[in-house]
């Protein structure tokens, strides 16, 4: 008889994940990147809240010469 072999799913190594997270957060590029992305996100949200229309205006009729 053949034995069914299923892959062994193991728990993640939390200590290694913690060390990797500390390594990433202490990199010199990490916090400036977070600040830049948050500023871009803030500008996008503010532009959506401000209306963000098409910006097109309808042309004014010609009033020649200076008619009210």
C-alpha atoms as a PDB file:
ATOM      1  CA  UNK A   1       0.000   0.000   0.000  1.00  0.00           C
ATOM      2  CA  UNK A   2       1.111   3.528  -0.721  1.00  0.00           C
ATOM      3  CA  UNK A   3       1.001   6.148   1.950  1.00  0.00           C
ATOM      4  CA  UNK A   4      -0.552   9.494   1.054  1.00  0.00           C
ATOM      5  CA  UNK A   5       1.991  12.227   1.672  1.00  0.00           C
ATOM      6  CA  UNK A   6       0.522  15.665   2.329  1.00  0.00           C
ATOM      7  CA  UNK A   7       2.820  18.666   2.666  1.00  0.00           C
ATOM      8  CA  UNK A   8       3.475  19.736   6.218  1.00  0.00           C
ATOM      9  CA  UNK A   9       2.183  23.240   6.803  1.00  0.00           C
ATOM     10  CA  UNK A  10       4.136  24.882   9.588  1.00  0.00           C
ATOM     11  CA  UNK A  11       3.670  28.049  11.569  1.00  0.00           C
ATOM     12  CA  UNK A  12       5.619  31.105  10.450  1.00  0.00           C
ATOM     13  CA  UNK A  13       8.813  31.935  12.289  1.00  0.00           C
ATOM     14  CA  UNK A  14       7.665  34.974  14.250  1.00  0.00           C
ATOM     15  CA  UNK A  15      11.159  35.771  15.506  1.00  0.00           C
ATOM     16  CA  UNK A  16      12.543  35.932  11.962  1.00  0.00           C
ATOM     17  CA  UNK A  17       9.562  38.036  10.858  1.00  0.00           C
ATOM     18  CA  UNK A  18      10.142  40.446  13.750  1.00  0.00           C
ATOM     19  CA  UNK A  19      13.829  40.793  12.890  1.00  0.00           C
ATOM     20  CA  UNK A  20      12.993  41.440   9.235  1.00  0.00           C
ATOM     21  CA  UNK A  21      10.390  44.070  10.214  1.00  0.00           C
ATOM     22  CA  UNK A  22      12.921  45.832  12.447  1.00  0.00           C
ATOM     23  CA  UNK A  23      15.442  45.724   9.634  1.00  0.00           C
ATOM     24  CA  UNK A  24      12.972  47.330   7.226  1.00  0.00           C
ATOM     25  CA  UNK A  25      11.770  50.024   9.651  1.00  0.00           C
ATOM     26  CA  UNK A  26      15.325  51.057  10.516  1.00  0.00           C
ATOM     27  CA  UNK A  27      16.361  51.440   6.873  1.00  0.00           C
ATOM     28  CA  UNK A  28      17.097  55.071   5.913  1.00  0.00           C
ATOM     29  CA  UNK A  29      14.565  55.067   3.056  1.00  0.00           C
ATOM     30  CA  UNK A  30      11.588  53.625   4.979  1.00  0.00           C
ATOM     31  CA  UNK A  31      10.192  56.630   6.885  1.00  0.00           C
ATOM     32  CA  UNK A  32      10.694  59.191   4.074  1.00  0.00           C
ATOM     33  CA  UNK A  33       8.826  56.792   1.776  1.00  0.00           C
ATOM     34  CA  UNK A  34       5.957  56.465   4.270  1.00  0.00           C
ATOM     35  CA  UNK A  35       5.745  60.277   4.606  1.00  0.00           C
ATOM     36  CA  UNK A  36       5.801  60.772   0.826  1.00  0.00           C
ATOM     37  CA  UNK A  37       3.090  58.171   0.211  1.00  0.00           C
ATOM     38  CA  UNK A  38       0.901  59.616   2.975  1.00  0.00           C
ATOM     39  CA  UNK A  39       1.253  63.126   1.504  1.00  0.00           C
ATOM     40  CA  UNK A  40       0.289  61.856  -1.952  1.00  0.00           C
ATOM     41  CA  UNK A  41      -2.702  60.042  -0.470  1.00  0.00           C
ATOM     42  CA  UNK A  42      -3.717  63.183   1.433  1.00  0.00           C
ATOM     43  CA  UNK A  43      -3.533  65.272  -1.765  1.00  0.00           C
ATOM     44  CA  UNK A  44      -5.665  62.735  -3.628  1.00  0.00           C
ATOM     45  CA  UNK A  45      -8.282  62.703  -0.869  1.00  0.00           C
ATOM     46  CA  UNK A  46      -8.360  66.506  -0.670  1.00  0.00           C
ATOM     47  CA  UNK A  47      -8.726  66.826  -4.444  1.00  0.00           C
ATOM     48  CA  UNK A  48     -11.644  64.403  -4.393  1.00  0.00           C
ATOM     49  CA  UNK A  49     -13.304  66.283  -1.521  1.00  0.00           C
ATOM     50  CA  UNK A  50     -12.744  69.643  -3.234  1.00  0.00           C
ATOM     51  CA  UNK A  51     -14.863  68.599  -6.167  1.00  0.00           C
ATOM     52  CA  UNK A  52     -12.215  67.726  -8.681  1.00  0.00           C
ATOM     53  CA  UNK A  53     -14.420  68.730 -11.604  1.00  0.00           C
ATOM     54  CA  UNK A  54     -13.366  68.878 -15.214  1.00  0.00           C
ATOM     55  CA  UNK A  55     -12.439  72.544 -14.975  1.00  0.00           C
ATOM     56  CA  UNK A  56     -14.169  73.430 -18.234  1.00  0.00           C
ATOM     57  CA  UNK A  57     -15.964  76.729 -18.489  1.00  0.00           C
ATOM     58  CA  UNK A  58     -18.643  77.626 -20.977  1.00  0.00           C
ATOM     59  CA  UNK A  59     -17.589  80.348 -23.445  1.00  0.00           C
ATOM     60  CA  UNK A  60     -19.065  83.796 -22.941  1.00  0.00           C
ATOM     61  CA  UNK A  61     -21.241  85.186 -25.755  1.00  0.00           C
ATOM     62  CA  UNK A  62     -19.616  87.842 -27.904  1.00  0.00           C
ATOM     63  CA  UNK A  63     -20.767  91.330 -26.894  1.00  0.00           C
ATOM     64  CA  UNK A  64     -19.666  93.610 -29.636  1.00  0.00           C
ATOM     65  CA  UNK A  65     -18.866  96.525 -28.949  1.00  0.00           C
ATOM     66  CA  UNK A  66     -19.437  96.621 -25.239  1.00  0.00           C
ATOM     67  CA  UNK A  67     -23.122  95.869 -25.292  1.00  0.00           C
ATOM     68  CA  UNK A  68     -24.668  95.100 -21.884  1.00  0.00           C
END
